[in-house]
PDB file of N, CA and C in Angstrom:
ATOM      1  N   MET A   1       4.571  89.531  32.378  1.00  0.00           N
ATOM      2  CA  MET A   1       4.006  89.873  31.093  1.00  0.00           C
ATOM      3  C   MET A   1       2.486  89.735  31.180  1.00  0.00           C
ATOM      4  N   LYS A   2       1.820  90.723  30.643  1.00  0.00           N
ATOM      5  CA  LYS A   2       0.352  90.744  30.656  1.00  0.00           C
ATOM      6  C   LYS A   2      -0.200  90.202  29.336  1.00  0.00           C
ATOM      7  N   ALA A   3      -1.469  89.859  29.369  1.00  0.00           N
ATOM      8  CA  ALA A   3      -2.135  89.371  28.159  1.00  0.00           C
ATOM      9  C   ALA A   3      -2.086  90.419  27.054  1.00  0.00           C
ATOM     10  N   SER A   4      -2.184  91.687  27.408  1.00  0.00           N
ATOM     11  CA  SER A   4      -2.137  92.743  26.393  1.00  0.00           C
ATOM     12  C   SER A   4      -0.769  92.794  25.715  1.00  0.00           C
ATOM     13  N   ASP A   5       0.292  92.493  26.466  1.00  0.00           N
ATOM     14  CA  ASP A   5       1.631  92.438  25.862  1.00  0.00           C
ATOM     15  C   ASP A   5       1.708  91.316  24.832  1.00  0.00           C
ATOM     16  N   LEU A   6       1.162  90.159  25.180  1.00  0.00           N
ATOM     17  CA  LEU A   6       1.160  89.025  24.243  1.00  0.00           C
ATOM     18  C   LEU A   6       0.322  89.336  23.013  1.00  0.00           C
ATOM     19  N   PHE A   7      -0.791  90.010  23.221  1.00  0.00           N
ATOM     20  CA  PHE A   7      -1.666  90.378  22.106  1.00  0.00           C
ATOM     21  C   PHE A   7      -0.954  91.322  21.154  1.00  0.00           C
ATOM     22  N   ILE A   8      -0.273  92.328  21.684  1.00  0.00           N
ATOM     23  CA  ILE A   8       0.460  93.287  20.849  1.00  0.00           C
ATOM     24  C   ILE A   8       1.606  92.583  20.116  1.00  0.00           C
ATOM     25  N   LYS A   9       2.295  91.663  20.794  1.00  0.00           N
ATOM     26  CA  LYS A   9       3.372  90.919  20.121  1.00  0.00           C
ATOM     27  C   LYS A   9       2.822  90.078  18.979  1.00  0.00           C
ATOM     28  N   ALA A  10       1.644  89.496  19.179  1.00  0.00           N
ATOM     29  CA  ALA A  10       1.021  88.710  18.107  1.00  0.00           C
ATOM     30  C   ALA A  10       0.650  89.607  16.932  1.00  0.00           C
ATOM     31  N   LEU A  11       0.135  90.790  17.214  1.00  0.00           N
ATOM     32  CA  LEU A  11      -0.196  91.738  16.142  1.00  0.00           C
ATOM     33  C   LEU A  11       1.056  92.156  15.390  1.00  0.00           C
ATOM     34  N   GLU A  12       2.137  92.377  16.123  1.00  0.00           N
ATOM     35  CA  GLU A  12       3.401  92.756  15.497  1.00  0.00           C
ATOM     36  C   GLU A  12       3.929  91.614  14.631  1.00  0.00           C
ATOM     37  N   ALA A  13       3.833  90.383  15.126  1.00  0.00           N
ATOM     38  CA  ALA A  13       4.312  89.227  14.363  1.00  0.00           C
ATOM     39  C   ALA A  13       3.524  89.041  13.071  1.00  0.00           C
ATOM     40  N   GLU A  14       2.255  89.391  13.099  1.00  0.00           N
ATOM     41  CA  GLU A  14       1.402  89.281  11.914  1.00  0.00           C
ATOM     42  C   GLU A  14       1.487  90.519  11.026  1.00  0.00           C
ATOM     43  N   GLN A  15       2.323  91.468  11.406  1.00  0.00           N
ATOM     44  CA  GLN A  15       2.539  92.718  10.671  1.00  0.00           C
ATOM     45  C   GLN A  15       1.234  93.495  10.447  1.00  0.00           C
ATOM     46  N   VAL A  16       0.455  93.594  11.513  1.00  0.00           N
ATOM     47  CA  VAL A  16      -0.794  94.353  11.460  1.00  0.00           C
ATOM     48  C   VAL A  16      -0.459  95.823  11.265  1.00  0.00           C
ATOM     49  N   GLU A  17      -1.158  96.472  10.356  1.00  0.00           N
ATOM     50  CA  GLU A  17      -0.874  97.873  10.053  1.00  0.00           C
ATOM     51  C   GLU A  17      -1.807  98.841  10.759  1.00  0.00           C
ATOM     52  N   TYR A  18      -3.017  98.413  11.084  1.00  0.00           N
ATOM     53  CA  TYR A  18      -3.996  99.305  11.699  1.00  0.00           C
ATOM     54  C   TYR A  18      -4.681  98.608  12.867  1.00  0.00           C
ATOM     55  N   ILE A  19      -4.984  99.386  13.881  1.00  0.00           N
ATOM     56  CA  ILE A  19      -5.742  98.894  15.026  1.00  0.00           C
ATOM     57  C   ILE A  19      -6.947  99.812  15.186  1.00  0.00           C
ATOM     58  N   PHE A  20      -8.122  99.234  15.227  1.00  0.00           N
ATOM     59  CA  PHE A  20      -9.347 100.000  15.418  1.00  0.00           C
ATOM     60  C   PHE A  20      -9.840  99.782  16.837  1.00  0.00           C
ATOM     61  N   GLY A  21     -10.352 100.822  17.457  1.00  0.00           N
ATOM     62  CA  GLY A  21     -10.857 100.663  18.812  1.00  0.00           C
ATOM     63  C   GLY A  21     -11.681 101.845  19.261  1.00  0.00           C
ATOM     64  N   ILE A  22     -12.302 101.674  20.390  1.00  0.00           N
ATOM     65  CA  ILE A  22     -13.084 102.729  21.025  1.00  0.00           C
ATOM     66  C   ILE A  22     -12.314 103.148  22.273  1.00  0.00           C
ATOM     67  N   PRO A  23     -12.018 104.442  22.441  1.00  0.00           N
ATOM     68  CA  PRO A  23     -11.239 104.868  23.601  1.00  0.00           C
ATOM     69  C   PRO A  23     -12.010 104.623  24.894  1.00  0.00           C
ATOM     70  N   GLY A  24     -11.268 104.286  25.920  1.00  0.00           N
ATOM     71  CA  GLY A  24     -11.876 104.063  27.221  1.00  0.00           C
ATOM     72  C   GLY A  24     -10.912 103.325  28.130  1.00  0.00           C
ATOM     73  N   GLU A  25     -11.275 103.237  29.379  1.00  0.00           N
ATOM     74  CA  GLU A  25     -10.374 102.612  30.343  1.00  0.00           C
ATOM     75  C   GLU A  25     -10.221 101.112  30.125  1.00  0.00           C
ATOM     76  N   GLU A  26     -11.148 100.509  29.397  1.00  0.00           N
ATOM     77  CA  GLU A  26     -11.065  99.072  29.157  1.00  0.00           C
ATOM     78  C   GLU A  26      -9.866  98.690  28.296  1.00  0.00           C
ATOM     79  N   ASN A  27      -9.366  99.590  27.486  1.00  0.00           N
ATOM     80  CA  ASN A  27      -8.238  99.242  26.611  1.00  0.00           C
ATOM     81  C   ASN A  27      -6.953  99.985  26.985  1.00  0.00           C
ATOM     82  N   LEU A  28      -6.860 100.504  28.188  1.00  0.00           N
ATOM     83  CA  LEU A  28      -5.640 101.204  28.603  1.00  0.00           C
ATOM     84  C   LEU A  28      -4.425 100.274  28.628  1.00  0.00           C
ATOM     85  N   ASP A  29      -4.605  99.033  29.066  1.00  0.00           N
ATOM     86  CA  ASP A  29      -3.481  98.092  29.058  1.00  0.00           C
ATOM     87  C   ASP A  29      -2.977  97.857  27.644  1.00  0.00           C
ATOM     88  N   LEU A  30      -3.901  97.790  26.705  1.00  0.00           N
ATOM     89  CA  LEU A  30      -3.518  97.608  25.307  1.00  0.00           C
ATOM     90  C   LEU A  30      -2.699  98.800  24.816  1.00  0.00           C
ATOM     91  N   LEU A  31      -3.143  99.995  25.151  1.00  0.00           N
ATOM     92  CA  LEU A  31      -2.411 101.197  24.738  1.00  0.00           C
ATOM     93  C   LEU A  31      -1.039 101.262  25.403  1.00  0.00           C
ATOM     94  N   ASN A  32      -0.969 100.894  26.677  1.00  0.00           N
ATOM     95  CA  ASN A  32       0.317 100.894  27.375  1.00  0.00           C
ATOM     96  C   ASN A  32       1.271  99.868  26.775  1.00  0.00           C
ATOM     97  N   SER A  33       0.738  98.732  26.364  1.00  0.00           N
ATOM     98  CA  SER A  33       1.592  97.694  25.770  1.00  0.00           C
ATOM     99  C   SER A  33       2.168  98.133  24.429  1.00  0.00           C
ATOM    100  N   LEU A  34       1.486  99.046  23.740  1.00  0.00           N
ATOM    101  CA  LEU A  34       2.022  99.565  22.475  1.00  0.00           C
ATOM    102  C   LEU A  34       3.350 100.275  22.687  1.00  0.00           C
ATOM    103  N   ASN A  35       3.573 100.815  23.880  1.00  0.00           N
ATOM    104  CA  ASN A  35       4.821 101.524  24.167  1.00  0.00           C
ATOM    105  C   ASN A  35       6.029 100.597  24.202  1.00  0.00           C
ATOM    106  N   PHE A  36       5.807  99.282  24.325  1.00  0.00           N
ATOM    107  CA  PHE A  36       6.911  98.337  24.446  1.00  0.00           C
ATOM    108  C   PHE A  36       7.224  97.619  23.141  1.00  0.00           C
ATOM    109  N   LEU A  37       6.650  98.104  22.051  1.00  0.00           N
ATOM    110  CA  LEU A  37       6.940  97.503  20.751  1.00  0.00           C
ATOM    111  C   LEU A  37       8.395  97.718  20.362  1.00  0.00           C
ATOM    112  N   LYS A  38       8.936  96.778  19.599  1.00  0.00           N
ATOM    113  CA  LYS A  38      10.286  96.961  19.053  1.00  0.00           C
ATOM    114  C   LYS A  38      10.292  98.107  18.056  1.00  0.00           C
ATOM    115  N   THR A  39       9.214  98.185  17.298  1.00  0.00           N
ATOM    116  CA  THR A  39       9.071  99.294  16.367  1.00  0.00           C
ATOM    117  C   THR A  39       8.383 100.432  17.101  1.00  0.00           C
ATOM    118  N   SER A  40       8.407 101.564  16.510  1.00  0.00           N
ATOM    119  CA  SER A  40       7.790 102.727  17.126  1.00  0.00           C
ATOM    120  C   SER A  40       6.273 102.560  17.165  1.00  0.00           C
ATOM    121  N   PRO A  41       5.613 102.878  18.303  1.00  0.00           N
ATOM    122  CA  PRO A  41       4.152 102.796  18.360  1.00  0.00           C
ATOM    123  C   PRO A  41       3.478 103.669  17.312  1.00  0.00           C
ATOM    124  N   GLU A  42       4.163 104.733  16.891  1.00  0.00           N
ATOM    125  CA  GLU A  42       3.583 105.618  15.874  1.00  0.00           C
ATOM    126  C   GLU A  42       3.512 104.930  14.527  1.00  0.00           C
ATOM    127  N   SER A  43       4.251 103.818  14.373  1.00  0.00           N
ATOM    128  CA  SER A  43       4.229 103.114  13.102  1.00  0.00           C
ATOM    129  C   SER A  43       2.949 102.298  12.914  1.00  0.00           C
ATOM    130  N   ILE A  44       2.173 102.129  13.983  1.00  0.00           N
ATOM    131  CA  ILE A  44       0.894 101.436  13.898  1.00  0.00           C
ATOM    132  C   ILE A  44      -0.210 102.457  14.177  1.00  0.00           C
ATOM    133  N   PRO A  45      -0.847 102.971  13.139  1.00  0.00           N
ATOM    134  CA  PRO A  45      -1.909 103.946  13.377  1.00  0.00           C
ATOM    135  C   PRO A  45      -3.064 103.303  14.135  1.00  0.00           C
ATOM    136  N   MET A  46      -3.579 104.004  15.121  1.00  0.00           N
ATOM    137  CA  MET A  46      -4.712 103.497  15.876  1.00  0.00           C
ATOM    138  C   MET A  46      -5.881 104.416  15.631  1.00  0.00           C
ATOM    139  N   LEU A  47      -6.899 103.901  15.023  1.00  0.00           N
ATOM    140  CA  LEU A  47      -8.086 104.686  14.697  1.00  0.00           C
ATOM    141  C   LEU A  47      -9.110 104.499  15.798  1.00  0.00           C
ATOM    142  N   LEU A  48      -9.425 105.583  16.492  1.00  0.00           N
ATOM    143  CA  LEU A  48     -10.364 105.519  17.607  1.00  0.00           C
ATOM    144  C   LEU A  48     -11.637 106.285  17.258  1.00  0.00           C
ATOM    145  N   SER A  49     -12.761 105.743  17.634  1.00  0.00           N
ATOM    146  CA  SER A  49     -14.050 106.411  17.397  1.00  0.00           C
ATOM    147  C   SER A  49     -14.427 107.211  18.639  1.00  0.00           C
ATOM    148  N   PHE A  50     -15.021 108.339  18.414  1.00  0.00           N
ATOM    149  CA  PHE A  50     -15.522 109.149  19.524  1.00  0.00           C
ATOM    150  C   PHE A  50     -17.014 109.328  19.413  1.00  0.00           C
TER     151      PHE A  50
END
């Protein structure tokens, strides 16, 4: 288990509804960890700035 997996689980436990971020390779692990949520990753909108 990676730190990003633990971070996403903590966000899920806190029922976070939105995630804000800047796209880039630095957060790819975070995005990949979203795929392992119990709920659908689409249920957490991710707002990215370009």
